[in-house]
Amino acid sequence: QVQLVESGGGLVQPGGSLRLSCAASGRSFSSSAMGWFRQAPGKEREFVATISWSGGLTYYADSVKGRFTISRDNAKNTMYLQMNSLKPEDTAVYYCARRNPGSSYSTQRTTDYAYWGQGTQVTVSS
């Protein structure tokens, strides 16, 4: 069992930066691939980025590539999402989740992830 808690969201101006954190409890975090998703009002939850258990392999949605960086610190049981050059269209609730064992590293399907956190709101507005 893994419990996930996101933090770090807030209100930021266009062009600004935020760093989200996902704190995990449970012994399986360091051996699990993880991911970030987001959901804007009235839209489906969409994939943002994923990272392998070791941190050596990452994959991003085209919409955030070059602006967002996913990372993790297994010693702290925490995953991060550094978001730079934020745009109004990045406004959403951001969720972290554990990728199911055996699923492809490039999968963007929510059904390939489990143990979702409660989410943290990110609002990009002037």
C-alpha atoms as a PDB file:
ATOM      1  CA  GLN A   1       0.000   0.000   0.000  1.00  0.00           C
ATOM      2  CA  VAL A   2       1.255   3.490  -0.884  1.00  0.00           C
ATOM      3  CA  GLN A   3      -0.183   6.752   0.374  1.00  0.00           C
ATOM      4  CA  LEU A   4       0.654   9.917  -1.544  1.00  0.00           C
ATOM      5  CA  VAL A   5       0.353  13.565  -0.512  1.00  0.00           C
ATOM      6  CA  GLU A   6       0.963  16.409  -2.964  1.00  0.00           C
ATOM      7  CA  SER A   7       2.003  19.919  -1.943  1.00  0.00           C
ATOM      8  CA  GLY A   8       3.521  23.063  -3.387  1.00  0.00           C
ATOM      9  CA  GLY A   9       0.680  24.347  -5.502  1.00  0.00           C
ATOM     10  CA  GLY A  10      -0.432  27.952  -5.542  1.00  0.00           C
ATOM     11  CA  LEU A  11      -1.062  31.062  -7.601  1.00  0.00           C
ATOM     12  CA  VAL A  12       1.705  32.172  -9.936  1.00  0.00           C
ATOM     13  CA  GLN A  13       1.975  34.685 -12.758  1.00  0.00           C
ATOM     14  CA  PRO A  14       2.556  33.576 -16.353  1.00  0.00           C
ATOM     15  CA  GLY A  15       6.234  32.890 -16.882  1.00  0.00           C
ATOM     16  CA  GLY A  16       6.737  32.014 -13.238  1.00  0.00           C
ATOM     17  CA  SER A  17       7.844  28.806 -11.556  1.00  0.00           C
ATOM     18  CA  LEU A  18       6.586  26.371  -8.950  1.00  0.00           C
ATOM     19  CA  ARG A  19       7.912  23.138  -7.508  1.00  0.00           C
ATOM     20  CA  LEU A  20       5.439  20.456  -6.547  1.00  0.00           C
ATOM     21  CA  SER A  21       6.246  17.667  -4.107  1.00  0.00           C
ATOM     22  CA  CYS A  22       4.709  14.244  -3.695  1.00  0.00           C
ATOM     23  CA  ALA A  23       5.458  12.634  -0.341  1.00  0.00           C
ATOM     24  CA  ALA A  24       4.979   8.885  -0.179  1.00  0.00           C
ATOM     25  CA  SER A  25       4.490   6.510   2.703  1.00  0.00           C
ATOM     26  CA  GLY A  26       5.071   2.808   2.407  1.00  0.00           C
ATOM     27  CA  ARG A  27       8.102   0.731   1.617  1.00  0.00           C
ATOM     28  CA  SER A  28       7.414   0.308  -2.091  1.00  0.00           C
ATOM     29  CA  PHE A  29       8.086   3.911  -3.164  1.00  0.00           C
ATOM     30  CA  SER A  30      11.778   3.420  -3.916  1.00  0.00           C
ATOM     31  CA  SER A  31      11.019   0.453  -6.171  1.00  0.00           C
ATOM     32  CA  SER A  32       8.086   2.043  -7.999  1.00  0.00           C
ATOM     33  CA  ALA A  33       7.834   4.137 -11.116  1.00  0.00           C
ATOM     34  CA  MET A  34       5.820   7.273 -10.447  1.00  0.00           C
ATOM     35  CA  GLY A  35       3.997   9.907 -12.423  1.00  0.00           C
ATOM     36  CA  TRP A  36       2.295  13.283 -12.424  1.00  0.00           C
ATOM     37  CA  PHE A  37      -1.086  14.018 -13.964  1.00  0.00           C
ATOM     38  CA  ARG A  38      -3.274  17.115 -14.033  1.00  0.00           C
ATOM     39  CA  GLN A  39      -6.936  17.897 -14.420  1.00  0.00           C
ATOM     40  CA  ALA A  40      -8.372  21.240 -15.453  1.00  0.00           C
ATOM     41  CA  PRO A  41     -12.026  22.139 -14.793  1.00  0.00           C
ATOM     42  CA  GLY A  42     -14.325  20.373 -17.232  1.00  0.00           C
ATOM     43  CA  LYS A  43     -11.508  18.328 -18.734  1.00  0.00           C
ATOM     44  CA  GLU A  44     -10.248  14.793 -18.360  1.00  0.00           C
ATOM     45  CA  ARG A  45      -7.225  14.000 -16.261  1.00  0.00           C
ATOM     46  CA  GLU A  46      -4.132  14.117 -18.451  1.00  0.00           C
ATOM     47  CA  PHE A  47      -0.623  12.769 -18.228  1.00  0.00           C
ATOM     48  CA  VAL A  48       2.197  15.192 -17.427  1.00  0.00           C
ATOM     49  CA  ALA A  49       5.373  13.206 -16.698  1.00  0.00           C
ATOM     50  CA  THR A  50       6.703   9.928 -15.367  1.00  0.00           C
ATOM     51  CA  ILE A  51       9.935   8.737 -13.779  1.00  0.00           C
ATOM     52  CA  SER A  52      11.425   5.276 -13.288  1.00  0.00           C
ATOM     53  CA  TRP A  53      12.119   3.845  -9.841  1.00  0.00           C
ATOM     54  CA  SER A  54      15.778   4.857 -10.034  1.00  0.00           C
ATOM     55  CA  GLY A  55      15.142   8.256 -11.586  1.00  0.00           C
ATOM     56  CA  GLY A  56      17.222   7.328 -14.599  1.00  0.00           C
ATOM     57  CA  LEU A  57      14.376   7.333 -17.102  1.00  0.00           C
ATOM     58  CA  THR A  58      11.846  10.114 -17.559  1.00  0.00           C
ATOM     59  CA  TYR A  59       9.113  10.843 -20.075  1.00  0.00           C
ATOM     60  CA  TYR A  60       7.034  13.975 -20.628  1.00  0.00           C
ATOM     61  CA  ALA A  61       3.875  15.052 -22.336  1.00  0.00           C
ATOM     62  CA  ASP A  62       4.621  17.216 -25.359  1.00  0.00           C
ATOM     63  CA  SER A  63       2.766  20.128 -23.760  1.00  0.00           C
ATOM     64  CA  VAL A  64       5.286  20.397 -20.892  1.00  0.00           C
ATOM     65  CA  LYS A  65       8.496  19.121 -22.479  1.00  0.00           C
ATOM     66  CA  GLY A  66      11.353  21.562 -21.974  1.00  0.00           C
ATOM     67  CA  ARG A  67       9.484  23.463 -19.245  1.00  0.00           C
ATOM     68  CA  PHE A  68       8.827  20.835 -16.550  1.00  0.00           C
ATOM     69  CA  THR A  69      11.311  18.518 -14.866  1.00  0.00           C
ATOM     70  CA  ILE A  70      10.379  15.437 -12.877  1.00  0.00           C
ATOM     71  CA  SER A  71      12.756  14.078 -10.251  1.00  0.00           C
ATOM     72  CA  ARG A  72      12.772  11.984  -7.110  1.00  0.00           C
ATOM     73  CA  ASP A  73      14.691  11.452  -3.879  1.00  0.00           C
ATOM     74  CA  ASN A  74      14.203   7.871  -2.746  1.00  0.00           C
ATOM     75  CA  ALA A  75      15.957   8.545   0.548  1.00  0.00           C
ATOM     76  CA  LYS A  76      13.204  11.057   1.341  1.00  0.00           C
ATOM     77  CA  ASN A  77      10.378   9.048  -0.272  1.00  0.00           C
ATOM     78  CA  THR A  78       9.539  12.139  -2.307  1.00  0.00           C
ATOM     79  CA  MET A  79       8.979  12.953  -5.958  1.00  0.00           C
ATOM     80  CA  TYR A  80       9.103  16.454  -7.424  1.00  0.00           C
ATOM     81  CA  LEU A  81       7.830  18.383 -10.403  1.00  0.00           C
ATOM     82  CA  GLN A  82       9.727  21.581 -11.191  1.00  0.00           C
ATOM     83  CA  MET A  83       7.528  23.750 -13.392  1.00  0.00           C
ATOM     84  CA  ASN A  84       9.076  26.702 -15.223  1.00  0.00           C
ATOM     85  CA  SER A  85       7.747  29.142 -17.805  1.00  0.00           C
ATOM     86  CA  LEU A  86       4.235  28.485 -16.602  1.00  0.00           C
ATOM     87  CA  LYS A  87       1.314  29.325 -18.861  1.00  0.00           C
ATOM     88  CA  PRO A  88      -2.372  29.934 -18.066  1.00  0.00           C
ATOM     89  CA  GLU A  89      -3.173  26.617 -19.743  1.00  0.00           C
ATOM     90  CA  ASP A  90      -1.113  24.844 -17.058  1.00  0.00           C
ATOM     91  CA  THR A  91      -3.816  25.759 -14.552  1.00  0.00           C
ATOM     92  CA  ALA A  92      -5.150  22.514 -13.071  1.00  0.00           C
ATOM     93  CA  VAL A  93      -5.179  20.259 -10.054  1.00  0.00           C
ATOM     94  CA  TYR A  94      -1.971  18.229 -10.139  1.00  0.00           C
ATOM     95  CA  TYR A  95      -1.911  14.637  -8.926  1.00  0.00           C
ATOM     96  CA  CYS A  96       0.836  12.137  -8.311  1.00  0.00           C
ATOM     97  CA  ALA A  97       0.374   8.403  -8.641  1.00  0.00           C
ATOM     98  CA  ARG A  98       2.291   5.147  -8.737  1.00  0.00           C
ATOM     99  CA  ARG A  99       2.660   3.480 -12.128  1.00  0.00           C
ATOM    100  CA  ASN A 100       1.475  -0.112 -12.134  1.00  0.00           C
ATOM    101  CA  PRO A 101       4.230  -2.736 -12.400  1.00  0.00           C
ATOM    102  CA  GLY A 102       4.636  -4.037 -15.919  1.00  0.00           C
ATOM    103  CA  SER A 103       3.135  -1.019 -17.639  1.00  0.00           C
ATOM    104  CA  SER A 104       5.077   0.781 -20.346  1.00  0.00           C
ATOM    105  CA  TYR A 105       7.246   3.715 -19.213  1.00  0.00           C
ATOM    106  CA  SER A 106       5.611   5.862 -21.897  1.00  0.00           C
ATOM    107  CA  THR A 107       2.020   5.029 -21.041  1.00  0.00           C
ATOM    108  CA  GLN A 108      -0.213   8.052 -20.555  1.00  0.00           C
ATOM    109  CA  ARG A 109      -3.290   6.144 -19.440  1.00  0.00           C
ATOM    110  CA  THR A 110      -4.685   6.886 -16.003  1.00  0.00           C
ATOM    111  CA  THR A 111      -5.673   3.218 -15.752  1.00  0.00           C
ATOM    112  CA  ASP A 112      -1.977   2.274 -15.696  1.00  0.00           C
ATOM    113  CA  TYR A 113      -1.580   4.204 -12.447  1.00  0.00           C
ATOM    114  CA  ALA A 114      -2.862   3.599  -8.920  1.00  0.00           C
ATOM    115  CA  TYR A 115      -2.680   5.057  -5.400  1.00  0.00           C
ATOM    116  CA  TRP A 116      -3.544   8.610  -6.359  1.00  0.00           C
ATOM    117  CA  GLY A 117      -2.917  11.560  -4.054  1.00  0.00           C
ATOM    118  CA  GLN A 118      -5.571  14.174  -3.238  1.00  0.00           C
ATOM    119  CA  GLY A 119      -4.090  16.747  -5.614  1.00  0.00           C
ATOM    120  CA  THR A 120      -2.710  20.273  -5.315  1.00  0.00           C
ATOM    121  CA  GLN A 121      -4.120  23.288  -7.158  1.00  0.00           C
ATOM    122  CA  VAL A 122      -1.904  25.244  -9.540  1.00  0.00           C
ATOM    123  CA  THR A 123      -3.297  28.492 -10.903  1.00  0.00           C
ATOM    124  CA  VAL A 124      -1.393  30.516 -13.490  1.00  0.00           C
ATOM    125  CA  SER A 125      -2.891  33.968 -13.847  1.00  0.00           C
ATOM    126  CA  SER A 126      -1.918  37.617 -13.892  1.00  0.00           C
END
